[in-house]
Amino acid sequence: MPDSLPDGSGGVASPNRGVMIVLAYLWLLALIPLLLEKHDREVQWHAKHGIVLMVAELIALLAYAMATSIISLATLGIGCVLSLFLVFVWVGVLALHVIAIVKGINGDRLIIPGVSEYADRF
């Protein structure tokens, strides 16, 4: 088996593409495929998408924490309930990452409206 196979996107397929796609969606570990797999366009896209997704999640977490803090100062009980709701949100984020990994390994891309187009910008 040759070391590099041509892929459908015009780049060169990496022999460890699956591992790199998994790393691409593990938050800060997305830097590994971004820096190591320069010639595989599909891995590069997934790494950029993983970084954009991480930044969007951090912004959403910051906004949620600020809103929860303000509500907690105004009304003690509701803020505590909102803090517990965050657990369910992170389960959803984890599910989103698992879906992105599975689609990436199968050769597809998970397109998230409002987020995915930023992966193509850099």
PDB file of N, CA and C in Angstrom:
ATOM      1  N   MET A   1       0.851  -1.179   0.000  1.00  0.00           N
ATOM      2  CA  MET A   1       0.000   0.000   0.000  1.00  0.00           C
ATOM      3  C   MET A   1       0.895   1.240   0.000  1.00  0.00           C
ATOM      4  N   PRO A   2       0.661   2.175  -0.902  1.00  0.00           N
ATOM      5  CA  PRO A   2       1.496   3.369  -0.946  1.00  0.00           C
ATOM      6  C   PRO A   2       1.293   4.248   0.276  1.00  0.00           C
ATOM      7  N   ASP A   3       2.307   5.082   0.550  1.00  0.00           N
ATOM      8  CA  ASP A   3       2.254   5.956   1.714  1.00  0.00           C
ATOM      9  C   ASP A   3       1.184   7.027   1.601  1.00  0.00           C
ATOM     10  N   SER A   4       0.924   7.496   0.396  1.00  0.00           N
ATOM     11  CA  SER A   4      -0.077   8.547   0.247  1.00  0.00           C
ATOM     12  C   SER A   4      -0.951   8.245  -0.951  1.00  0.00           C
ATOM     13  N   LEU A   5      -2.222   8.337  -0.764  1.00  0.00           N
ATOM     14  CA  LEU A   5      -3.196   8.089  -1.805  1.00  0.00           C
ATOM     15  C   LEU A   5      -3.888   9.389  -2.152  1.00  0.00           C
ATOM     16  N   PRO A   6      -4.182   9.611  -3.419  1.00  0.00           N
ATOM     17  CA  PRO A   6      -4.907  10.836  -3.742  1.00  0.00           C
ATOM     18  C   PRO A   6      -6.320  10.769  -3.187  1.00  0.00           C
ATOM     19  N   ASP A   7      -6.791  11.868  -2.663  1.00  0.00           N
ATOM     20  CA  ASP A   7      -8.155  11.915  -2.162  1.00  0.00           C
ATOM     21  C   ASP A   7      -9.001  12.741  -3.113  1.00  0.00           C
ATOM     22  N   GLY A   8     -10.281  12.824  -2.844  1.00  0.00           N
ATOM     23  CA  GLY A   8     -11.205  13.527  -3.721  1.00  0.00           C
ATOM     24  C   GLY A   8     -11.048  15.028  -3.708  1.00  0.00           C
ATOM     25  N   SER A   9     -10.371  15.600  -2.746  1.00  0.00           N
ATOM     26  CA  SER A   9     -10.283  17.055  -2.639  1.00  0.00           C
ATOM     27  C   SER A   9      -9.026  17.629  -3.283  1.00  0.00           C
ATOM     28  N   GLY A  10      -8.240  16.813  -3.954  1.00  0.00           N
ATOM     29  CA  GLY A  10      -7.059  17.312  -4.626  1.00  0.00           C
ATOM     30  C   GLY A  10      -5.802  17.253  -3.781  1.00  0.00           C
ATOM     31  N   GLY A  11      -5.896  16.919  -2.511  1.00  0.00           N
ATOM     32  CA  GLY A  11      -4.726  16.806  -1.644  1.00  0.00           C
ATOM     33  C   GLY A  11      -4.223  15.379  -1.636  1.00  0.00           C
ATOM     34  N   VAL A  12      -3.366  15.075  -0.703  1.00  0.00           N
ATOM     35  CA  VAL A  12      -2.813  13.737  -0.558  1.00  0.00           C
ATOM     36  C   VAL A  12      -3.363  13.148   0.732  1.00  0.00           C
ATOM     37  N   ALA A  13      -3.928  11.943   0.620  1.00  0.00           N
ATOM     38  CA  ALA A  13      -4.521  11.307   1.797  1.00  0.00           C
ATOM     39  C   ALA A  13      -3.429  10.834   2.747  1.00  0.00           C
ATOM     40  N   SER A  14      -3.567  11.169   4.002  1.00  0.00           N
ATOM     41  CA  SER A  14      -2.615  10.766   5.027  1.00  0.00           C
ATOM     42  C   SER A  14      -2.879   9.320   5.430  1.00  0.00           C
ATOM     43  N   PRO A  15      -1.835   8.539   5.729  1.00  0.00           N
ATOM     44  CA  PRO A  15      -2.062   7.163   6.162  1.00  0.00           C
ATOM     45  C   PRO A  15      -2.738   7.073   7.535  1.00  0.00           C
ATOM     46  N   ASN A  16      -2.636   8.117   8.323  1.00  0.00           N
ATOM     47  CA  ASN A  16      -3.287   8.132   9.638  1.00  0.00           C
ATOM     48  C   ASN A  16      -4.401   9.170   9.673  1.00  0.00           C
ATOM     49  N   ARG A  17      -5.169   9.235   8.600  1.00  0.00           N
ATOM     50  CA  ARG A  17      -6.242  10.214   8.467  1.00  0.00           C
ATOM     51  C   ARG A  17      -7.306  10.042   9.558  1.00  0.00           C
ATOM     52  N   GLY A  18      -7.690   8.827   9.868  1.00  0.00           N
ATOM     53  CA  GLY A  18      -8.724   8.592  10.877  1.00  0.00           C
ATOM     54  C   GLY A  18      -8.346   9.137  12.240  1.00  0.00           C
ATOM     55  N   VAL A  19      -7.116   8.883  12.645  1.00  0.00           N
ATOM     56  CA  VAL A  19      -6.642   9.374  13.947  1.00  0.00           C
ATOM     57  C   VAL A  19      -6.625  10.896  13.961  1.00  0.00           C
ATOM     58  N   MET A  20      -6.186  11.486  12.873  1.00  0.00           N
ATOM     59  CA  MET A  20      -6.113  12.947  12.802  1.00  0.00           C
ATOM     60  C   MET A  20      -7.502  13.581  12.808  1.00  0.00           C
ATOM     61  N   ILE A  21      -8.482  12.933  12.186  1.00  0.00           N
ATOM     62  CA  ILE A  21      -9.842  13.468  12.206  1.00  0.00           C
ATOM     63  C   ILE A  21     -10.417  13.371  13.613  1.00  0.00           C
ATOM     64  N   VAL A  22     -10.123  12.290  14.319  1.00  0.00           N
ATOM     65  CA  VAL A  22     -10.582  12.187  15.713  1.00  0.00           C
ATOM     66  C   VAL A  22      -9.954  13.302  16.549  1.00  0.00           C
ATOM     67  N   LEU A  23      -8.661  13.528  16.400  1.00  0.00           N
ATOM     68  CA  LEU A  23      -7.986  14.596  17.156  1.00  0.00           C
ATOM     69  C   LEU A  23      -8.535  15.971  16.795  1.00  0.00           C
ATOM     70  N   ALA A  24      -8.992  16.128  15.554  1.00  0.00           N
ATOM     71  CA  ALA A  24      -9.490  17.426  15.097  1.00  0.00           C
ATOM     72  C   ALA A  24     -10.694  17.900  15.895  1.00  0.00           C
ATOM     73  N   TYR A  25     -11.454  16.991  16.468  1.00  0.00           N
ATOM     74  CA  TYR A  25     -12.652  17.374  17.212  1.00  0.00           C
ATOM     75  C   TYR A  25     -12.485  17.216  18.723  1.00  0.00           C
ATOM     76  N   LEU A  26     -11.252  17.135  19.197  1.00  0.00           N
ATOM     77  CA  LEU A  26     -11.007  17.045  20.634  1.00  0.00           C
ATOM     78  C   LEU A  26     -10.402  18.355  21.135  1.00  0.00           C
ATOM     79  N   TRP A  27     -11.145  19.406  20.944  1.00  0.00           N
ATOM     80  CA  TRP A  27     -10.842  20.760  21.378  1.00  0.00           C
ATOM     81  C   TRP A  27      -9.427  21.186  21.036  1.00  0.00           C
ATOM     82  N   LEU A  28      -8.570  21.431  21.980  1.00  0.00           N
ATOM     83  CA  LEU A  28      -7.243  21.988  21.714  1.00  0.00           C
ATOM     84  C   LEU A  28      -6.330  21.005  20.966  1.00  0.00           C
ATOM     85  N   LEU A  29      -6.639  19.720  21.011  1.00  0.00           N
ATOM     86  CA  LEU A  29      -5.845  18.733  20.281  1.00  0.00           C
ATOM     87  C   LEU A  29      -6.000  18.887  18.771  1.00  0.00           C
ATOM     88  N   ALA A  30      -6.919  19.726  18.329  1.00  0.00           N
ATOM     89  CA  ALA A  30      -7.086  19.992  16.894  1.00  0.00           C
ATOM     90  C   ALA A  30      -5.852  20.658  16.300  1.00  0.00           C
ATOM     91  N   LEU A  31      -5.012  21.231  17.147  1.00  0.00           N
ATOM     92  CA  LEU A  31      -3.782  21.844  16.641  1.00  0.00           C
ATOM     93  C   LEU A  31      -2.811  20.801  16.091  1.00  0.00           C
ATOM     94  N   ILE A  32      -2.870  19.571  16.593  1.00  0.00           N
ATOM     95  CA  ILE A  32      -1.955  18.525  16.136  1.00  0.00           C
ATOM     96  C   ILE A  32      -2.166  18.225  14.650  1.00  0.00           C
ATOM     97  N   PRO A  33      -3.394  17.874  14.201  1.00  0.00           N
ATOM     98  CA  PRO A  33      -3.552  17.636  12.762  1.00  0.00           C
ATOM     99  C   PRO A  33      -3.389  18.908  11.935  1.00  0.00           C
ATOM    100  N   LEU A  34      -3.719  20.046  12.500  1.00  0.00           N
ATOM    101  CA  LEU A  34      -3.558  21.300  11.765  1.00  0.00           C
ATOM    102  C   LEU A  34      -2.091  21.566  11.449  1.00  0.00           C
ATOM    103  N   LEU A  35      -1.214  21.259  12.387  1.00  0.00           N
ATOM    104  CA  LEU A  35       0.209  21.524  12.196  1.00  0.00           C
ATOM    105  C   LEU A  35       0.967  20.378  11.523  1.00  0.00           C
ATOM    106  N   LEU A  36       0.516  19.143  11.705  1.00  0.00           N
ATOM    107  CA  LEU A  36       1.259  18.000  11.183  1.00  0.00           C
ATOM    108  C   LEU A  36       0.823  17.534   9.799  1.00  0.00           C
ATOM    109  N   GLU A  37      -0.433  17.681   9.469  1.00  0.00           N
ATOM    110  CA  GLU A  37      -0.961  17.156   8.201  1.00  0.00           C
ATOM    111  C   GLU A  37      -1.239  18.289   7.222  1.00  0.00           C
ATOM    112  N   LYS A  38      -0.190  18.956   6.780  1.00  0.00           N
ATOM    113  CA  LYS A  38      -0.326  20.117   5.891  1.00  0.00           C
ATOM    114  C   LYS A  38      -0.801  19.737   4.491  1.00  0.00           C
ATOM    115  N   HIS A  39      -0.524  18.512   4.037  1.00  0.00           N
ATOM    116  CA  HIS A  39      -0.808  18.143   2.656  1.00  0.00           C
ATOM    117  C   HIS A  39      -2.157  17.463   2.480  1.00  0.00           C
ATOM    118  N   ASP A  40      -2.841  17.129   3.543  1.00  0.00           N
ATOM    119  CA  ASP A  40      -4.147  16.471   3.458  1.00  0.00           C
ATOM    120  C   ASP A  40      -5.228  17.524   3.681  1.00  0.00           C
ATOM    121  N   ARG A  41      -5.867  17.935   2.608  1.00  0.00           N
ATOM    122  CA  ARG A  41      -6.863  19.017   2.702  1.00  0.00           C
ATOM    123  C   ARG A  41      -8.067  18.637   3.545  1.00  0.00           C
ATOM    124  N   GLU A  42      -8.453  17.374   3.503  1.00  0.00           N
ATOM    125  CA  GLU A  42      -9.611  16.943   4.286  1.00  0.00           C
ATOM    126  C   GLU A  42      -9.302  17.019   5.790  1.00  0.00           C
ATOM    127  N   VAL A  43      -8.140  16.563   6.192  1.00  0.00           N
ATOM    128  CA  VAL A  43      -7.738  16.649   7.597  1.00  0.00           C
ATOM    129  C   VAL A  43      -7.599  18.113   8.008  1.00  0.00           C
ATOM    130  N   GLN A  44      -7.052  18.939   7.130  1.00  0.00           N
ATOM    131  CA  GLN A  44      -6.926  20.372   7.424  1.00  0.00           C
ATOM    132  C   GLN A  44      -8.294  21.001   7.647  1.00  0.00           C
ATOM    133  N   TRP A  45      -9.267  20.647   6.801  1.00  0.00           N
ATOM    134  CA  TRP A  45     -10.607  21.210   6.969  1.00  0.00           C
ATOM    135  C   TRP A  45     -11.202  20.793   8.309  1.00  0.00           C
ATOM    136  N   HIS A  46     -11.079  19.508   8.653  1.00  0.00           N
ATOM    137  CA  HIS A  46     -11.639  19.030   9.920  1.00  0.00           C
ATOM    138  C   HIS A  46     -10.926  19.674  11.111  1.00  0.00           C
ATOM    139  N   ALA A  47      -9.624  19.877  11.013  1.00  0.00           N
ATOM    140  CA  ALA A  47      -8.884  20.529  12.100  1.00  0.00           C
ATOM    141  C   ALA A  47      -9.345  21.976  12.264  1.00  0.00           C
ATOM    142  N   LYS A  48      -9.492  22.681  11.151  1.00  0.00           N
ATOM    143  CA  LYS A  48      -9.982  24.067  11.219  1.00  0.00           C
ATOM    144  C   LYS A  48     -11.408  24.114  11.738  1.00  0.00           C
ATOM    145  N   HIS A  49     -12.222  23.172  11.305  1.00  0.00           N
ATOM    146  CA  HIS A  49     -13.612  23.115  11.779  1.00  0.00           C
ATOM    147  C   HIS A  49     -13.652  22.820  13.273  1.00  0.00           C
ATOM    148  N   GLY A  50     -12.774  21.936  13.733  1.00  0.00           N
ATOM    149  CA  GLY A  50     -12.716  21.628  15.167  1.00  0.00           C
ATOM    150  C   GLY A  50     -12.303  22.836  15.993  1.00  0.00           C
ATOM    151  N   ILE A  51     -11.365  23.625  15.482  1.00  0.00           N
ATOM    152  CA  ILE A  51     -10.934  24.825  16.201  1.00  0.00           C
ATOM    153  C   ILE A  51     -12.044  25.874  16.222  1.00  0.00           C
ATOM    154  N   VAL A  52     -12.708  26.066  15.088  1.00  0.00           N
ATOM    155  CA  VAL A  52     -13.825  27.019  15.030  1.00  0.00           C
ATOM    156  C   VAL A  52     -14.942  26.574  15.973  1.00  0.00           C
ATOM    157  N   LEU A  53     -15.220  25.282  15.998  1.00  0.00           N
ATOM    158  CA  LEU A  53     -16.242  24.751  16.895  1.00  0.00           C
ATOM    159  C   LEU A  53     -15.852  24.968  18.355  1.00  0.00           C
ATOM    160  N   MET A  54     -14.575  24.764  18.682  1.00  0.00           N
ATOM    161  CA  MET A  54     -14.100  24.987  20.044  1.00  0.00           C
ATOM    162  C   MET A  54     -14.267  26.452  20.450  1.00  0.00           C
ATOM    163  N   VAL A  55     -13.889  27.370  19.565  1.00  0.00           N
ATOM    164  CA  VAL A  55     -14.026  28.800  19.863  1.00  0.00           C
ATOM    165  C   VAL A  55     -15.494  29.168  20.052  1.00  0.00           C
ATOM    166  N   ALA A  56     -16.374  28.638  19.191  1.00  0.00           N
ATOM    167  CA  ALA A  56     -17.809  28.922  19.325  1.00  0.00           C
ATOM    168  C   ALA A  56     -18.340  28.379  20.653  1.00  0.00           C
ATOM    169  N   GLU A  57     -17.881  27.204  21.056  1.00  0.00           N
ATOM    170  CA  GLU A  57     -18.318  26.631  22.332  1.00  0.00           C
ATOM    171  C   GLU A  57     -17.818  27.467  23.509  1.00  0.00           C
ATOM    172  N   LEU A  58     -16.591  27.944  23.432  1.00  0.00           N
ATOM    173  CA  LEU A  58     -16.061  28.776  24.521  1.00  0.00           C
ATOM    174  C   LEU A  58     -16.800  30.108  24.625  1.00  0.00           C
ATOM    175  N   ILE A  59     -17.129  30.704  23.483  1.00  0.00           N
ATOM    176  CA  ILE A  59     -17.901  31.955  23.492  1.00  0.00           C
ATOM    177  C   ILE A  59     -19.287  31.711  24.079  1.00  0.00           C
ATOM    178  N   ALA A  60     -19.927  30.613  23.666  1.00  0.00           N
ATOM    179  CA  ALA A  60     -21.248  30.286  24.203  1.00  0.00           C
ATOM    180  C   ALA A  60     -21.174  30.010  25.705  1.00  0.00           C
ATOM    181  N   LEU A  61     -20.117  29.327  26.153  1.00  0.00           N
ATOM    182  CA  LEU A  61     -19.953  29.055  27.581  1.00  0.00           C
ATOM    183  C   LEU A  61     -19.763  30.337  28.370  1.00  0.00           C
ATOM    184  N   LEU A  62     -18.962  31.239  27.837  1.00  0.00           N
ATOM    185  CA  LEU A  62     -18.750  32.521  28.507  1.00  0.00           C
ATOM    186  C   LEU A  62     -20.044  33.317  28.602  1.00  0.00           C
ATOM    187  N   ALA A  63     -20.801  33.370  27.514  1.00  0.00           N
ATOM    188  CA  ALA A  63     -22.077  34.086  27.527  1.00  0.00           C
ATOM    189  C   ALA A  63     -23.058  33.435  28.502  1.00  0.00           C
ATOM    190  N   TYR A  64     -23.082  32.110  28.523  1.00  0.00           N
ATOM    191  CA  TYR A  64     -23.974  31.402  29.443  1.00  0.00           C
ATOM    192  C   TYR A  64     -23.578  31.646  30.896  1.00  0.00           C
ATOM    193  N   ALA A  65     -22.277  31.641  31.171  1.00  0.00           N
ATOM    194  CA  ALA A  65     -21.801  31.881  32.543  1.00  0.00           C
ATOM    195  C   ALA A  65     -22.136  33.302  32.986  1.00  0.00           C
ATOM    196  N   MET A  66     -21.979  34.260  32.092  1.00  0.00           N
ATOM    197  CA  MET A  66     -22.323  35.643  32.440  1.00  0.00           C
ATOM    198  C   MET A  66     -23.817  35.793  32.699  1.00  0.00           C
ATOM    199  N   ALA A  67     -24.636  35.201  31.847  1.00  0.00           N
ATOM    200  CA  ALA A  67     -26.088  35.285  32.027  1.00  0.00           C
ATOM    201  C   ALA A  67     -26.518  34.591  33.316  1.00  0.00           C
ATOM    202  N   THR A  68     -25.936  33.421  33.588  1.00  0.00           N
ATOM    203  CA  THR A  68     -26.265  32.696  34.813  1.00  0.00           C
ATOM    204  C   THR A  68     -25.841  33.488  36.044  1.00  0.00           C
ATOM    205  N   SER A  69     -24.698  34.150  35.986  1.00  0.00           N
ATOM    206  CA  SER A  69     -24.233  34.961  37.118  1.00  0.00           C
ATOM    207  C   SER A  69     -25.161  36.131  37.378  1.00  0.00           C
ATOM    208  N   ILE A  70     -25.569  36.796  36.321  1.00  0.00           N
ATOM    209  CA  ILE A  70     -26.480  37.940  36.487  1.00  0.00           C
ATOM    210  C   ILE A  70     -27.816  37.478  37.045  1.00  0.00           C
ATOM    211  N   ILE A  71     -28.341  36.376  36.533  1.00  0.00           N
ATOM    212  CA  ILE A  71     -29.618  35.864  37.039  1.00  0.00           C
ATOM    213  C   ILE A  71     -29.467  35.380  38.473  1.00  0.00           C
ATOM    214  N   SER A  72     -28.322  34.790  38.800  1.00  0.00           N
ATOM    215  CA  SER A  72     -28.085  34.325  40.181  1.00  0.00           C
ATOM    216  C   SER A  72     -28.057  35.486  41.160  1.00  0.00           C
ATOM    217  N   LEU A  73     -27.494  36.609  40.746  1.00  0.00           N
ATOM    218  CA  LEU A  73     -27.475  37.782  41.621  1.00  0.00           C
ATOM    219  C   LEU A  73     -28.876  38.335  41.832  1.00  0.00           C
ATOM    220  N   ALA A  74     -29.698  38.256  40.795  1.00  0.00           N
ATOM    221  CA  ALA A  74     -31.059  38.792  40.906  1.00  0.00           C
ATOM    222  C   ALA A  74     -31.974  37.841  41.678  1.00  0.00           C
ATOM    223  N   THR A  75     -31.912  36.572  41.349  1.00  0.00           N
ATOM    224  CA  THR A  75     -32.757  35.569  42.011  1.00  0.00           C
ATOM    225  C   THR A  75     -31.921  34.334  42.282  1.00  0.00           C
ATOM    226  N   LEU A  76     -31.763  33.975  43.505  1.00  0.00           N
ATOM    227  CA  LEU A  76     -30.865  32.889  43.881  1.00  0.00           C
ATOM    228  C   LEU A  76     -31.281  31.542  43.300  1.00  0.00           C
ATOM    229  N   GLY A  77     -32.523  31.178  43.377  1.00  0.00           N
ATOM    230  CA  GLY A  77     -32.970  29.844  42.979  1.00  0.00           C
ATOM    231  C   GLY A  77     -32.858  29.562  41.495  1.00  0.00           C
ATOM    232  N   ILE A  78     -33.232  30.518  40.668  1.00  0.00           N
ATOM    233  CA  ILE A  78     -33.230  30.295  39.223  1.00  0.00           C
ATOM    234  C   ILE A  78     -31.803  30.154  38.697  1.00  0.00           C
ATOM    235  N   GLY A  79     -30.878  30.906  39.217  1.00  0.00           N
ATOM    236  CA  GLY A  79     -29.490  30.804  38.786  1.00  0.00           C
ATOM    237  C   GLY A  79     -28.899  29.443  39.068  1.00  0.00           C
ATOM    238  N   CYS A  80     -29.247  28.846  40.195  1.00  0.00           N
ATOM    239  CA  CYS A  80     -28.752  27.502  40.521  1.00  0.00           C
ATOM    240  C   CYS A  80     -29.323  26.467  39.564  1.00  0.00           C
ATOM    241  N   VAL A  81     -30.587  26.614  39.216  1.00  0.00           N
ATOM    242  CA  VAL A  81     -31.209  25.695  38.259  1.00  0.00           C
ATOM    243  C   VAL A  81     -30.548  25.829  36.890  1.00  0.00           C
ATOM    244  N   LEU A  82     -30.260  27.054  36.473  1.00  0.00           N
ATOM    245  CA  LEU A  82     -29.584  27.269  35.194  1.00  0.00           C
ATOM    246  C   LEU A  82     -28.184  26.666  35.194  1.00  0.00           C
ATOM    247  N   SER A  83     -27.518  26.707  36.326  1.00  0.00           N
ATOM    248  CA  SER A  83     -26.188  26.100  36.421  1.00  0.00           C
ATOM    249  C   SER A  83     -26.262  24.585  36.233  1.00  0.00           C
ATOM    250  N   LEU A  84     -27.302  23.967  36.752  1.00  0.00           N
ATOM    251  CA  LEU A  84     -27.480  22.523  36.569  1.00  0.00           C
ATOM    252  C   LEU A  84     -27.815  22.187  35.121  1.00  0.00           C
ATOM    253  N   PHE A  85     -28.483  23.087  34.439  1.00  0.00           N
ATOM    254  CA  PHE A  85     -28.843  22.886  33.040  1.00  0.00           C
ATOM    255  C   PHE A  85     -27.598  22.778  32.153  1.00  0.00           C
ATOM    256  N   LEU A  86     -26.500  23.374  32.584  1.00  0.00           N
ATOM    257  CA  LEU A  86     -25.255  23.359  31.814  1.00  0.00           C
ATOM    258  C   LEU A  86     -24.731  21.937  31.594  1.00  0.00           C
ATOM    259  N   VAL A  87     -24.987  21.038  32.516  1.00  0.00           N
ATOM    260  CA  VAL A  87     -24.568  19.645  32.364  1.00  0.00           C
ATOM    261  C   VAL A  87     -25.205  19.042  31.110  1.00  0.00           C
ATOM    262  N   PHE A  88     -26.483  19.303  30.914  1.00  0.00           N
ATOM    263  CA  PHE A  88     -27.187  18.756  29.754  1.00  0.00           C
ATOM    264  C   PHE A  88     -26.700  19.398  28.454  1.00  0.00           C
ATOM    265  N   VAL A  89     -26.333  20.655  28.518  1.00  0.00           N
ATOM    266  CA  VAL A  89     -25.787  21.334  27.346  1.00  0.00           C
ATOM    267  C   VAL A  89     -24.467  20.691  26.933  1.00  0.00           C
ATOM    268  N   TRP A  90     -23.606  20.368  27.888  1.00  0.00           N
ATOM    269  CA  TRP A  90     -22.322  19.763  27.553  1.00  0.00           C
ATOM    270  C   TRP A  90     -22.471  18.338  27.057  1.00  0.00           C
ATOM    271  N   VAL A  91     -23.502  17.635  27.476  1.00  0.00           N
ATOM    272  CA  VAL A  91     -23.782  16.313  26.896  1.00  0.00           C
ATOM    273  C   VAL A  91     -24.142  16.481  25.415  1.00  0.00           C
ATOM    274  N   GLY A  92     -24.906  17.525  25.098  1.00  0.00           N
ATOM    275  CA  GLY A  92     -25.225  17.820  23.703  1.00  0.00           C
ATOM    276  C   GLY A  92     -23.991  18.191  22.897  1.00  0.00           C
ATOM    277  N   VAL A  93     -23.087  18.954  23.495  1.00  0.00           N
ATOM    278  CA  VAL A  93     -21.830  19.320  22.822  1.00  0.00           C
ATOM    279  C   VAL A  93     -20.995  18.071  22.567  1.00  0.00           C
ATOM    280  N   LEU A  94     -20.932  17.190  23.535  1.00  0.00           N
ATOM    281  CA  LEU A  94     -20.201  15.938  23.362  1.00  0.00           C
ATOM    282  C   LEU A  94     -20.808  15.102  22.238  1.00  0.00           C
ATOM    283  N   ALA A  95     -22.129  15.035  22.178  1.00  0.00           N
ATOM    284  CA  ALA A  95     -22.804  14.302  21.103  1.00  0.00           C
ATOM    285  C   ALA A  95     -22.489  14.926  19.743  1.00  0.00           C
ATOM    286  N   LEU A  96     -22.434  16.248  19.681  1.00  0.00           N
ATOM    287  CA  LEU A  96     -22.091  16.939  18.444  1.00  0.00           C
ATOM    288  C   LEU A  96     -20.680  16.564  17.983  1.00  0.00           C
ATOM    289  N   HIS A  97     -19.748  16.485  18.909  1.00  0.00           N
ATOM    290  CA  HIS A  97     -18.377  16.107  18.568  1.00  0.00           C
ATOM    291  C   HIS A  97     -18.313  14.654  18.098  1.00  0.00           C
ATOM    292  N   VAL A  98     -19.059  13.770  18.723  1.00  0.00           N
ATOM    293  CA  VAL A  98     -19.073  12.364  18.310  1.00  0.00           C
ATOM    294  C   VAL A  98     -19.638  12.238  16.897  1.00  0.00           C
ATOM    295  N   ILE A  99     -20.710  12.965  16.607  1.00  0.00           N
ATOM    296  CA  ILE A  99     -21.296  12.937  15.266  1.00  0.00           C
ATOM    297  C   ILE A  99     -20.302  13.471  14.241  1.00  0.00           C
ATOM    298  N   ALA A 100     -19.608  14.552  14.576  1.00  0.00           N
ATOM    299  CA  ALA A 100     -18.616  15.121  13.658  1.00  0.00           C
ATOM    300  C   ALA A 100     -17.474  14.135  13.407  1.00  0.00           C
ATOM    301  N   ILE A 101     -17.035  13.437  14.436  1.00  0.00           N
ATOM    302  CA  ILE A 101     -15.962  12.453  14.285  1.00  0.00           C
ATOM    303  C   ILE A 101     -16.412  11.302  13.393  1.00  0.00           C
ATOM    304  N   VAL A 102     -17.598  10.781  13.644  1.00  0.00           N
ATOM    305  CA  VAL A 102     -18.102   9.648  12.857  1.00  0.00           C
ATOM    306  C   VAL A 102     -18.269  10.049  11.393  1.00  0.00           C
ATOM    307  N   LYS A 103     -18.858  11.219  11.150  1.00  0.00           N
ATOM    308  CA  LYS A 103     -19.025  11.674   9.770  1.00  0.00           C
ATOM    309  C   LYS A 103     -17.666  11.902   9.111  1.00  0.00           C
ATOM    310  N   GLY A 104     -16.715  12.450   9.836  1.00  0.00           N
ATOM    311  CA  GLY A 104     -15.390  12.689   9.280  1.00  0.00           C
ATOM    312  C   GLY A 104     -14.669  11.407   8.924  1.00  0.00           C
ATOM    313  N   ILE A 105     -14.756  10.414   9.768  1.00  0.00           N
ATOM    314  CA  ILE A 105     -14.105   9.132   9.490  1.00  0.00           C
ATOM    315  C   ILE A 105     -14.753   8.451   8.287  1.00  0.00           C
ATOM    316  N   ASN A 106     -16.056   8.658   8.118  1.00  0.00           N
ATOM    317  CA  ASN A 106     -16.762   8.070   6.981  1.00  0.00           C
ATOM    318  C   ASN A 106     -16.605   8.871   5.697  1.00  0.00           C
ATOM    319  N   GLY A 107     -15.841   9.960   5.741  1.00  0.00           N
ATOM    320  CA  GLY A 107     -15.585  10.739   4.540  1.00  0.00           C
ATOM    321  C   GLY A 107     -16.528  11.900   4.311  1.00  0.00           C
ATOM    322  N   ASP A 108     -17.423  12.156   5.252  1.00  0.00           N
ATOM    323  CA  ASP A 108     -18.370  13.264   5.132  1.00  0.00           C
ATOM    324  C   ASP A 108     -17.921  14.434   5.989  1.00  0.00           C
ATOM    325  N   ARG A 109     -18.657  15.520   5.886  1.00  0.00           N
ATOM    326  CA  ARG A 109     -18.402  16.700   6.713  1.00  0.00           C
ATOM    327  C   ARG A 109     -19.692  17.089   7.422  1.00  0.00           C
ATOM    328  N   LEU A 110     -19.581  17.426   8.694  1.00  0.00           N
ATOM    329  CA  LEU A 110     -20.722  17.942   9.440  1.00  0.00           C
ATOM    330  C   LEU A 110     -20.734  19.454   9.265  1.00  0.00           C
ATOM    331  N   ILE A 111     -21.759  19.942   8.587  1.00  0.00           N
ATOM    332  CA  ILE A 111     -21.885  21.372   8.344  1.00  0.00           C
ATOM    333  C   ILE A 111     -22.852  21.940   9.377  1.00  0.00           C
ATOM    334  N   ILE A 112     -22.356  22.877  10.181  1.00  0.00           N
ATOM    335  CA  ILE A 112     -23.171  23.525  11.206  1.00  0.00           C
ATOM    336  C   ILE A 112     -23.433  24.954  10.739  1.00  0.00           C
ATOM    337  N   PRO A 113     -24.691  25.295  10.455  1.00  0.00           N
ATOM    338  CA  PRO A 113     -24.991  26.647   9.966  1.00  0.00           C
ATOM    339  C   PRO A 113     -24.531  27.711  10.967  1.00  0.00           C
ATOM    340  N   GLY A 114     -23.902  28.741  10.441  1.00  0.00           N
ATOM    341  CA  GLY A 114     -23.431  29.831  11.281  1.00  0.00           C
ATOM    342  C   GLY A 114     -22.055  29.609  11.879  1.00  0.00           C
ATOM    343  N   VAL A 115     -21.534  28.386  11.804  1.00  0.00           N
ATOM    344  CA  VAL A 115     -20.226  28.076  12.381  1.00  0.00           C
ATOM    345  C   VAL A 115     -19.264  27.539  11.324  1.00  0.00           C
ATOM    346  N   SER A 116     -19.721  26.606  10.510  1.00  0.00           N
ATOM    347  CA  SER A 116     -18.833  25.896   9.586  1.00  0.00           C
ATOM    348  C   SER A 116     -18.208  26.786   8.527  1.00  0.00           C
ATOM    349  N   GLU A 117     -18.882  27.852   8.124  1.00  0.00           N
ATOM    350  CA  GLU A 117     -18.309  28.696   7.076  1.00  0.00           C
ATOM    351  C   GLU A 117     -17.036  29.411   7.535  1.00  0.00           C
ATOM    352  N   TYR A 118     -16.846  29.533   8.832  1.00  0.00           N
ATOM    353  CA  TYR A 118     -15.613  30.157   9.337  1.00  0.00           C
ATOM    354  C   TYR A 118     -14.404  29.237   9.159  1.00  0.00           C
ATOM    355  N   ALA A 119     -14.619  27.931   9.052  1.00  0.00           N
ATOM    356  CA  ALA A 119     -13.513  26.996   8.822  1.00  0.00           C
ATOM    357  C   ALA A 119     -12.890  27.204   7.442  1.00  0.00           C
ATOM    358  N   ASP A 120     -13.671  27.667   6.490  1.00  0.00           N
ATOM    359  CA  ASP A 120     -13.162  27.894   5.137  1.00  0.00           C
ATOM    360  C   ASP A 120     -12.433  29.225   5.010  1.00  0.00           C
ATOM    361  N   ARG A 121     -12.573  30.102   5.977  1.00  0.00           N
ATOM    362  CA  ARG A 121     -11.984  31.426   5.871  1.00  0.00           C
ATOM    363  C   ARG A 121     -10.491  31.465   6.164  1.00  0.00           C
ATOM    364  N   PHE A 122      -9.991  30.497   6.923  1.00  0.00           N
ATOM    365  CA  PHE A 122      -8.543  30.505   7.198  1.00  0.00           C
ATOM    366  C   PHE A 122      -7.905  29.198   6.817  1.00  0.00           C
TER     367      PHE A 122
END
